[in-house]
Amino acid sequence: MAQHQLDSLDKNILRLISEDARIPFLEVARACNVSGAAIHQRIQKLTNMGVLKGSQFIIDPEKIGYETCAYVGLYLKDPSSFDQVVEALHEIPEVVECHYTTGGYDLFIKLYAKNNHHLLNIIHDKLQPLGLARSETIVAFNAVIDRQMPLTKLDLDSL
């Protein structure tokens, strides 16, 4: 993937907002010694370039009753049905990530369930009908590291 050409202002903005996504644009503007309008324009430019992928509030699944986090490796009966399976996975709200990977799995997904019984129902009632030869499930007890890709000075210097 090609890297985007970013100037020092872009890099400074990225550093500031990666440290605190809720930092007011005017505070970023003051730190960068530019106008608020310039920050808005640069944020829009970085979004249009795909460097920034929006902003969101992160909901803790456990706090809303989804106590089981699982990773499931999917083996498709017919790997040519990949696109249809991915479309169907989009319709399963408990599936929060889907990756096409190397190795034995055709797809690797992350999902949340209310409990182990709910997890079993998702696998049996929602995943198996998608045309799986089989699946392998790993239940995660706790995420000990959960973060965005951190930006270091070295990363910013190479952009």
N, C-alpha and C. Protein backbone atom coordinates (compact mmCIF):
# COMPACT_ATOMS: atom_id res chain seq x y z
N MET A 1 0.83 -1.18 0.00
CA MET A 1 0.00 0.00 0.00
C MET A 1 0.88 1.25 0.00
N ALA A 2 0.54 2.21 -0.78
CA ALA A 2 1.32 3.43 -0.89
C ALA A 2 1.15 4.30 0.34
N GLN A 3 2.23 4.93 0.76
CA GLN A 3 2.14 5.86 1.86
C GLN A 3 1.77 7.22 1.30
N HIS A 4 1.05 7.98 2.10
CA HIS A 4 0.64 9.31 1.67
C HIS A 4 1.71 10.32 2.08
N GLN A 5 1.87 11.33 1.26
CA GLN A 5 2.82 12.38 1.56
C GLN A 5 2.16 13.35 2.52
N LEU A 6 2.66 13.40 3.72
CA LEU A 6 2.11 14.29 4.74
C LEU A 6 3.17 15.30 5.15
N ASP A 7 2.72 16.54 5.38
CA ASP A 7 3.66 17.55 5.82
C ASP A 7 3.70 17.59 7.35
N SER A 8 4.52 18.49 7.89
CA SER A 8 4.72 18.54 9.35
C SER A 8 3.43 18.90 10.08
N LEU A 9 2.58 19.73 9.49
CA LEU A 9 1.31 20.07 10.13
C LEU A 9 0.41 18.84 10.23
N ASP A 10 0.32 18.08 9.13
CA ASP A 10 -0.47 16.84 9.15
C ASP A 10 0.03 15.90 10.24
N LYS A 11 1.33 15.74 10.32
CA LYS A 11 1.93 14.84 11.31
C LYS A 11 1.65 15.30 12.73
N ASN A 12 1.73 16.60 12.94
CA ASN A 12 1.46 17.16 14.27
C ASN A 12 0.00 16.94 14.65
N ILE A 13 -0.90 17.15 13.71
CA ILE A 13 -2.33 16.92 13.95
C ILE A 13 -2.56 15.45 14.29
N LEU A 14 -1.98 14.55 13.52
CA LEU A 14 -2.15 13.11 13.78
C LEU A 14 -1.64 12.74 15.17
N ARG A 15 -0.50 13.30 15.54
CA ARG A 15 0.05 13.01 16.87
C ARG A 15 -0.91 13.46 17.96
N LEU A 16 -1.42 14.67 17.84
CA LEU A 16 -2.31 15.23 18.86
C LEU A 16 -3.63 14.46 18.96
N ILE A 17 -4.25 14.17 17.84
CA ILE A 17 -5.55 13.50 17.90
C ILE A 17 -5.42 12.01 18.22
N SER A 18 -4.26 11.42 17.93
CA SER A 18 -4.08 10.01 18.31
C SER A 18 -3.87 9.88 19.81
N GLU A 19 -3.35 10.92 20.45
CA GLU A 19 -3.18 10.91 21.90
C GLU A 19 -4.50 11.16 22.62
N ASP A 20 -5.39 11.97 22.00
CA ASP A 20 -6.69 12.29 22.61
C ASP A 20 -7.67 12.60 21.49
N ALA A 21 -8.51 11.63 21.15
CA ALA A 21 -9.44 11.80 20.03
C ALA A 21 -10.50 12.86 20.31
N ARG A 22 -10.69 13.22 21.57
CA ARG A 22 -11.70 14.21 21.91
C ARG A 22 -11.12 15.61 22.11
N ILE A 23 -9.87 15.79 21.74
CA ILE A 23 -9.25 17.11 21.87
C ILE A 23 -9.99 18.09 20.95
N PRO A 24 -10.39 19.24 21.47
CA PRO A 24 -11.07 20.22 20.62
C PRO A 24 -10.16 20.70 19.48
N PHE A 25 -10.76 20.92 18.33
CA PHE A 25 -9.98 21.38 17.18
C PHE A 25 -9.28 22.71 17.47
N LEU A 26 -9.92 23.56 18.27
CA LEU A 26 -9.27 24.84 18.59
C LEU A 26 -8.01 24.63 19.43
N GLU A 27 -8.02 23.61 20.28
CA GLU A 27 -6.83 23.29 21.06
C GLU A 27 -5.73 22.75 20.14
N VAL A 28 -6.11 21.95 19.16
CA VAL A 28 -5.15 21.45 18.17
C VAL A 28 -4.59 22.64 17.38
N ALA A 29 -5.47 23.55 17.01
CA ALA A 29 -5.04 24.73 16.25
C ALA A 29 -4.02 25.55 17.04
N ARG A 30 -4.31 25.76 18.33
CA ARG A 30 -3.36 26.52 19.17
C ARG A 30 -2.02 25.80 19.25
N ALA A 31 -2.05 24.48 19.46
CA ALA A 31 -0.81 23.72 19.59
C ALA A 31 -0.01 23.74 18.28
N CYS A 32 -0.71 23.84 17.17
CA CYS A 32 -0.05 23.85 15.85
C CYS A 32 0.21 25.25 15.34
N ASN A 33 -0.29 26.25 16.06
CA ASN A 33 -0.11 27.66 15.68
C ASN A 33 -0.73 27.97 14.32
N VAL A 34 -1.96 27.46 14.11
CA VAL A 34 -2.72 27.74 12.90
C VAL A 34 -4.17 28.02 13.30
N SER A 35 -5.00 28.36 12.34
CA SER A 35 -6.40 28.66 12.63
C SER A 35 -7.22 27.38 12.80
N GLY A 36 -8.36 27.52 13.46
CA GLY A 36 -9.29 26.41 13.60
C GLY A 36 -9.76 25.90 12.25
N ALA A 37 -9.98 26.83 11.32
CA ALA A 37 -10.42 26.45 9.97
C ALA A 37 -9.37 25.58 9.28
N ALA A 38 -8.10 25.91 9.51
CA ALA A 38 -7.02 25.11 8.90
C ALA A 38 -7.05 23.68 9.43
N ILE A 39 -7.34 23.53 10.72
CA ILE A 39 -7.42 22.18 11.31
C ILE A 39 -8.59 21.42 10.70
N HIS A 40 -9.74 22.07 10.60
CA HIS A 40 -10.90 21.42 9.98
C HIS A 40 -10.57 20.95 8.56
N GLN A 41 -9.91 21.81 7.80
CA GLN A 41 -9.54 21.47 6.42
C GLN A 41 -8.57 20.29 6.38
N ARG A 42 -7.59 20.30 7.27
CA ARG A 42 -6.60 19.22 7.29
C ARG A 42 -7.24 17.90 7.74
N ILE A 43 -8.12 17.95 8.72
CA ILE A 43 -8.82 16.73 9.17
C ILE A 43 -9.63 16.18 8.01
N GLN A 44 -10.31 17.05 7.27
CA GLN A 44 -11.09 16.60 6.11
C GLN A 44 -10.17 16.00 5.05
N LYS A 45 -9.03 16.63 4.82
CA LYS A 45 -8.07 16.11 3.84
C LYS A 45 -7.57 14.73 4.26
N LEU A 46 -7.22 14.57 5.54
CA LEU A 46 -6.72 13.29 6.05
C LEU A 46 -7.80 12.21 5.98
N THR A 47 -9.05 12.60 6.17
CA THR A 47 -10.17 11.67 6.05
C THR A 47 -10.36 11.27 4.60
N ASN A 48 -10.35 12.24 3.70
CA ASN A 48 -10.51 11.95 2.26
C ASN A 48 -9.39 11.07 1.73
N MET A 49 -8.18 11.22 2.27
CA MET A 49 -7.04 10.41 1.87
C MET A 49 -7.14 8.99 2.44
N GLY A 50 -8.02 8.80 3.42
CA GLY A 50 -8.14 7.49 4.06
C GLY A 50 -7.18 7.28 5.22
N VAL A 51 -6.41 8.32 5.55
CA VAL A 51 -5.50 8.22 6.69
C VAL A 51 -6.31 8.14 7.98
N LEU A 52 -7.35 8.97 8.08
CA LEU A 52 -8.28 8.91 9.21
C LEU A 52 -9.54 8.20 8.74
N LYS A 53 -10.05 7.34 9.58
CA LYS A 53 -11.26 6.60 9.24
C LYS A 53 -12.39 6.98 10.19
N GLY A 54 -12.66 8.26 10.30
CA GLY A 54 -13.78 8.73 11.10
C GLY A 54 -13.49 8.68 12.59
N SER A 55 -14.54 8.87 13.36
CA SER A 55 -14.44 8.82 14.81
C SER A 55 -15.70 8.16 15.33
N GLN A 56 -15.59 7.58 16.50
CA GLN A 56 -16.73 6.86 17.06
C GLN A 56 -16.58 6.73 18.56
N PHE A 57 -17.69 6.49 19.22
CA PHE A 57 -17.66 6.12 20.62
C PHE A 57 -17.54 4.61 20.67
N ILE A 58 -16.72 4.10 21.56
CA ILE A 58 -16.51 2.67 21.69
C ILE A 58 -17.39 2.16 22.84
N ILE A 59 -18.28 1.23 22.53
CA ILE A 59 -19.15 0.63 23.54
C ILE A 59 -18.47 -0.63 24.06
N ASP A 60 -18.41 -0.78 25.36
CA ASP A 60 -17.85 -1.97 25.98
C ASP A 60 -18.91 -3.06 25.93
N PRO A 61 -18.73 -4.10 25.11
CA PRO A 61 -19.76 -5.14 24.98
C PRO A 61 -20.16 -5.77 26.31
N GLU A 62 -19.21 -5.96 27.20
CA GLU A 62 -19.51 -6.59 28.49
C GLU A 62 -20.48 -5.74 29.31
N LYS A 63 -20.37 -4.43 29.20
CA LYS A 63 -21.23 -3.52 29.97
C LYS A 63 -22.67 -3.55 29.49
N ILE A 64 -22.90 -4.05 28.27
CA ILE A 64 -24.28 -4.14 27.77
C ILE A 64 -24.75 -5.60 27.65
N GLY A 65 -24.05 -6.49 28.38
CA GLY A 65 -24.53 -7.86 28.50
C GLY A 65 -23.89 -8.90 27.62
N TYR A 66 -22.88 -8.54 26.84
CA TYR A 66 -22.21 -9.51 25.98
C TYR A 66 -20.91 -9.93 26.66
N GLU A 67 -21.00 -10.99 27.45
CA GLU A 67 -19.89 -11.40 28.32
C GLU A 67 -18.89 -12.33 27.65
N THR A 68 -19.24 -12.89 26.49
CA THR A 68 -18.35 -13.84 25.83
C THR A 68 -17.81 -13.25 24.53
N CYS A 69 -16.50 -13.18 24.44
CA CYS A 69 -15.82 -12.77 23.21
C CYS A 69 -15.19 -14.02 22.63
N ALA A 70 -15.44 -14.27 21.35
CA ALA A 70 -14.87 -15.46 20.72
C ALA A 70 -14.31 -15.13 19.35
N TYR A 71 -13.29 -15.87 18.99
CA TYR A 71 -12.70 -15.82 17.66
C TYR A 71 -13.02 -17.15 17.01
N VAL A 72 -13.51 -17.12 15.78
CA VAL A 72 -13.93 -18.34 15.11
C VAL A 72 -13.26 -18.42 13.75
N GLY A 73 -12.53 -19.51 13.54
CA GLY A 73 -11.96 -19.79 12.23
C GLY A 73 -12.99 -20.57 11.42
N LEU A 74 -13.29 -20.07 10.23
CA LEU A 74 -14.30 -20.69 9.39
C LEU A 74 -13.66 -21.40 8.21
N TYR A 75 -14.06 -22.63 8.00
CA TYR A 75 -13.65 -23.41 6.84
C TYR A 75 -14.88 -23.54 5.96
N LEU A 76 -14.84 -23.01 4.77
CA LEU A 76 -15.99 -23.06 3.87
C LEU A 76 -16.01 -24.36 3.07
N LYS A 77 -17.22 -24.90 2.87
CA LYS A 77 -17.35 -26.08 2.01
C LYS A 77 -16.92 -25.73 0.59
N ASP A 78 -17.31 -24.53 0.17
CA ASP A 78 -17.00 -24.06 -1.18
C ASP A 78 -16.34 -22.68 -1.07
N PRO A 79 -15.01 -22.62 -1.10
CA PRO A 79 -14.33 -21.33 -0.96
C PRO A 79 -14.74 -20.28 -1.98
N SER A 80 -15.32 -20.70 -3.11
CA SER A 80 -15.76 -19.72 -4.11
C SER A 80 -16.99 -18.95 -3.61
N SER A 81 -17.61 -19.39 -2.51
CA SER A 81 -18.77 -18.69 -1.94
C SER A 81 -18.35 -17.60 -0.96
N PHE A 82 -17.06 -17.29 -0.96
CA PHE A 82 -16.50 -16.30 -0.03
C PHE A 82 -17.32 -15.01 0.02
N ASP A 83 -17.59 -14.40 -1.12
CA ASP A 83 -18.30 -13.11 -1.14
C ASP A 83 -19.70 -13.22 -0.54
N GLN A 84 -20.41 -14.29 -0.84
CA GLN A 84 -21.76 -14.47 -0.30
C GLN A 84 -21.71 -14.70 1.20
N VAL A 85 -20.70 -15.43 1.67
CA VAL A 85 -20.57 -15.67 3.11
C VAL A 85 -20.26 -14.36 3.83
N VAL A 86 -19.38 -13.55 3.26
CA VAL A 86 -19.06 -12.26 3.88
C VAL A 86 -20.31 -11.37 3.94
N GLU A 87 -21.09 -11.35 2.88
CA GLU A 87 -22.36 -10.59 2.89
C GLU A 87 -23.27 -11.09 4.00
N ALA A 88 -23.38 -12.40 4.15
CA ALA A 88 -24.24 -12.97 5.20
C ALA A 88 -23.69 -12.65 6.59
N LEU A 89 -22.37 -12.64 6.74
CA LEU A 89 -21.77 -12.29 8.04
C LEU A 89 -22.09 -10.85 8.43
N HIS A 90 -22.20 -9.97 7.44
CA HIS A 90 -22.58 -8.58 7.70
C HIS A 90 -23.94 -8.50 8.38
N GLU A 91 -24.79 -9.46 8.13
CA GLU A 91 -26.15 -9.46 8.67
C GLU A 91 -26.23 -10.06 10.08
N ILE A 92 -25.14 -10.58 10.59
CA ILE A 92 -25.11 -11.15 11.94
C ILE A 92 -24.53 -10.09 12.87
N PRO A 93 -25.37 -9.44 13.69
CA PRO A 93 -24.88 -8.31 14.48
C PRO A 93 -23.81 -8.67 15.50
N GLU A 94 -23.76 -9.89 15.93
CA GLU A 94 -22.75 -10.28 16.92
C GLU A 94 -21.35 -10.36 16.32
N VAL A 95 -21.25 -10.47 15.00
CA VAL A 95 -19.95 -10.52 14.32
C VAL A 95 -19.44 -9.09 14.18
N VAL A 96 -18.30 -8.80 14.81
CA VAL A 96 -17.77 -7.44 14.81
C VAL A 96 -16.52 -7.28 13.94
N GLU A 97 -15.88 -8.39 13.57
CA GLU A 97 -14.73 -8.34 12.67
C GLU A 97 -14.74 -9.59 11.80
N CYS A 98 -14.24 -9.44 10.59
CA CYS A 98 -14.08 -10.58 9.69
C CYS A 98 -12.82 -10.35 8.88
N HIS A 99 -11.95 -11.35 8.86
CA HIS A 99 -10.67 -11.23 8.17
C HIS A 99 -10.48 -12.39 7.20
N TYR A 100 -9.95 -12.09 6.05
CA TYR A 100 -9.50 -13.10 5.10
C TYR A 100 -8.02 -13.29 5.42
N THR A 101 -7.62 -14.49 5.78
CA THR A 101 -6.28 -14.70 6.32
C THR A 101 -5.50 -15.76 5.56
N THR A 102 -4.23 -15.84 5.87
CA THR A 102 -3.41 -16.95 5.40
C THR A 102 -3.64 -18.11 6.35
N GLY A 103 -3.11 -19.26 6.01
CA GLY A 103 -3.27 -20.42 6.89
C GLY A 103 -4.48 -21.25 6.49
N GLY A 104 -4.92 -22.06 7.41
CA GLY A 104 -5.98 -23.01 7.12
C GLY A 104 -7.37 -22.44 7.00
N TYR A 105 -7.66 -21.37 7.72
CA TYR A 105 -9.01 -20.82 7.70
C TYR A 105 -9.29 -20.08 6.40
N ASP A 106 -10.54 -20.16 5.96
CA ASP A 106 -10.95 -19.32 4.84
C ASP A 106 -11.26 -17.92 5.34
N LEU A 107 -11.86 -17.84 6.52
CA LEU A 107 -12.20 -16.56 7.17
C LEU A 107 -11.95 -16.70 8.66
N PHE A 108 -11.66 -15.60 9.30
CA PHE A 108 -11.45 -15.58 10.75
C PHE A 108 -12.29 -14.43 11.28
N ILE A 109 -13.22 -14.72 12.20
CA ILE A 109 -14.12 -13.68 12.69
C ILE A 109 -13.99 -13.50 14.20
N LYS A 110 -14.38 -12.33 14.64
CA LYS A 110 -14.50 -12.02 16.06
C LYS A 110 -15.96 -11.73 16.31
N LEU A 111 -16.49 -12.30 17.39
CA LEU A 111 -17.89 -12.04 17.71
C LEU A 111 -18.07 -11.93 19.21
N TYR A 112 -19.19 -11.35 19.60
CA TYR A 112 -19.57 -11.24 21.00
C TYR A 112 -20.89 -11.94 21.20
N ALA A 113 -21.00 -12.66 22.32
CA ALA A 113 -22.23 -13.35 22.68
C ALA A 113 -22.55 -13.03 24.14
N LYS A 114 -23.82 -13.15 24.50
CA LYS A 114 -24.22 -12.85 25.88
C LYS A 114 -23.63 -13.84 26.87
N ASN A 115 -23.50 -15.09 26.43
CA ASN A 115 -22.94 -16.15 27.28
C ASN A 115 -22.59 -17.32 26.37
N ASN A 116 -22.13 -18.42 26.96
CA ASN A 116 -21.72 -19.57 26.15
C ASN A 116 -22.90 -20.19 25.41
N HIS A 117 -24.07 -20.21 26.02
CA HIS A 117 -25.25 -20.75 25.35
C HIS A 117 -25.59 -19.92 24.10
N HIS A 118 -25.54 -18.61 24.24
CA HIS A 118 -25.77 -17.72 23.09
C HIS A 118 -24.71 -17.96 22.02
N LEU A 119 -23.45 -18.16 22.42
CA LEU A 119 -22.38 -18.44 21.48
C LEU A 119 -22.69 -19.72 20.69
N LEU A 120 -23.13 -20.75 21.40
CA LEU A 120 -23.49 -22.00 20.73
C LEU A 120 -24.60 -21.78 19.72
N ASN A 121 -25.61 -20.98 20.09
CA ASN A 121 -26.71 -20.68 19.16
C ASN A 121 -26.23 -19.92 17.93
N ILE A 122 -25.32 -18.98 18.12
CA ILE A 122 -24.78 -18.22 16.98
C ILE A 122 -24.06 -19.18 16.02
N ILE A 123 -23.22 -20.04 16.57
CA ILE A 123 -22.46 -20.97 15.73
C ILE A 123 -23.41 -21.93 15.02
N HIS A 124 -24.34 -22.51 15.76
CA HIS A 124 -25.23 -23.52 15.20
C HIS A 124 -26.28 -22.93 14.25
N ASP A 125 -26.92 -21.83 14.68
CA ASP A 125 -28.07 -21.29 13.94
C ASP A 125 -27.70 -20.23 12.89
N LYS A 126 -26.59 -19.52 13.10
CA LYS A 126 -26.26 -18.42 12.19
C LYS A 126 -25.04 -18.70 11.32
N LEU A 127 -24.03 -19.39 11.87
CA LEU A 127 -22.81 -19.62 11.09
C LEU A 127 -22.87 -20.90 10.26
N GLN A 128 -23.28 -22.00 10.85
CA GLN A 128 -23.30 -23.28 10.13
C GLN A 128 -24.13 -23.22 8.84
N PRO A 129 -25.30 -22.56 8.83
CA PRO A 129 -26.07 -22.49 7.58
C PRO A 129 -25.39 -21.73 6.44
N LEU A 130 -24.28 -21.07 6.71
CA LEU A 130 -23.59 -20.31 5.66
C LEU A 130 -22.78 -21.21 4.73
N GLY A 131 -22.78 -22.51 4.99
CA GLY A 131 -22.03 -23.42 4.15
C GLY A 131 -20.64 -23.71 4.68
N LEU A 132 -20.54 -23.93 5.98
CA LEU A 132 -19.25 -24.23 6.58
C LEU A 132 -18.98 -25.72 6.54
N ALA A 133 -17.74 -26.08 6.22
CA ALA A 133 -17.31 -27.47 6.37
C ALA A 133 -17.12 -27.74 7.85
N ARG A 134 -16.54 -26.74 8.54
CA ARG A 134 -16.37 -26.80 10.00
C ARG A 134 -15.89 -25.45 10.48
N SER A 135 -15.80 -25.33 11.80
CA SER A 135 -15.30 -24.10 12.41
C SER A 135 -14.49 -24.47 13.64
N GLU A 136 -13.62 -23.56 14.03
CA GLU A 136 -12.84 -23.70 15.26
C GLU A 136 -13.04 -22.43 16.07
N THR A 137 -13.43 -22.61 17.32
CA THR A 137 -13.76 -21.47 18.17
C THR A 137 -12.76 -21.33 19.31
N ILE A 138 -12.31 -20.11 19.53
CA ILE A 138 -11.43 -19.78 20.65
C ILE A 138 -12.16 -18.72 21.47
N VAL A 139 -12.39 -19.00 22.75
CA VAL A 139 -13.03 -18.02 23.62
C VAL A 139 -11.94 -17.20 24.29
N ALA A 140 -12.09 -15.89 24.24
CA ALA A 140 -11.14 -14.97 24.87
C ALA A 140 -11.62 -14.65 26.28
N PHE A 141 -10.76 -14.83 27.26
CA PHE A 141 -11.13 -14.53 28.64
C PHE A 141 -11.03 -13.04 28.93
N ASN A 142 -9.99 -12.39 28.40
CA ASN A 142 -9.78 -10.98 28.71
C ASN A 142 -8.78 -10.41 27.70
N ALA A 143 -9.05 -9.21 27.22
CA ALA A 143 -8.10 -8.53 26.34
C ALA A 143 -7.11 -7.77 27.21
N VAL A 144 -5.88 -8.23 27.24
CA VAL A 144 -4.88 -7.57 28.08
C VAL A 144 -4.22 -6.39 27.37
N ILE A 145 -4.31 -6.36 26.04
CA ILE A 145 -3.90 -5.19 25.24
C ILE A 145 -5.02 -4.95 24.25
N ASP A 146 -5.55 -3.76 24.23
CA ASP A 146 -6.63 -3.40 23.31
C ASP A 146 -6.45 -1.93 22.97
N ARG A 147 -5.86 -1.65 21.82
CA ARG A 147 -5.54 -0.27 21.47
C ARG A 147 -5.53 -0.09 19.96
N GLN A 148 -5.52 1.16 19.56
CA GLN A 148 -5.29 1.51 18.17
C GLN A 148 -3.79 1.41 17.91
N MET A 149 -3.43 1.38 16.65
CA MET A 149 -2.03 1.38 16.29
C MET A 149 -1.41 2.68 16.78
N PRO A 150 -0.46 2.60 17.72
CA PRO A 150 0.12 3.85 18.25
C PRO A 150 1.04 4.51 17.23
N LEU A 151 1.04 5.83 17.23
CA LEU A 151 1.94 6.58 16.36
C LEU A 151 3.18 6.98 17.16
N THR A 152 4.32 6.59 16.68
CA THR A 152 5.57 6.99 17.32
C THR A 152 6.22 8.09 16.50
N LYS A 153 7.20 8.74 17.08
CA LYS A 153 7.93 9.77 16.34
C LYS A 153 8.54 9.17 15.08
N LEU A 154 9.05 7.94 15.19
CA LEU A 154 9.63 7.27 14.03
C LEU A 154 8.59 7.08 12.92
N ASP A 155 7.37 6.67 13.31
CA ASP A 155 6.30 6.52 12.33
C ASP A 155 6.01 7.85 11.64
N LEU A 156 5.90 8.90 12.43
CA LEU A 156 5.57 10.21 11.88
C LEU A 156 6.70 10.72 10.98
N ASP A 157 7.95 10.44 11.34
CA ASP A 157 9.07 10.87 10.52
C ASP A 157 9.09 10.16 9.17
N SER A 158 8.58 8.92 9.13
CA SER A 158 8.63 8.16 7.88
C SER A 158 7.45 8.44 6.96
N LEU A 159 6.45 9.19 7.45
CA LEU A 159 5.28 9.50 6.61
C LEU A 159 5.59 10.61 5.62
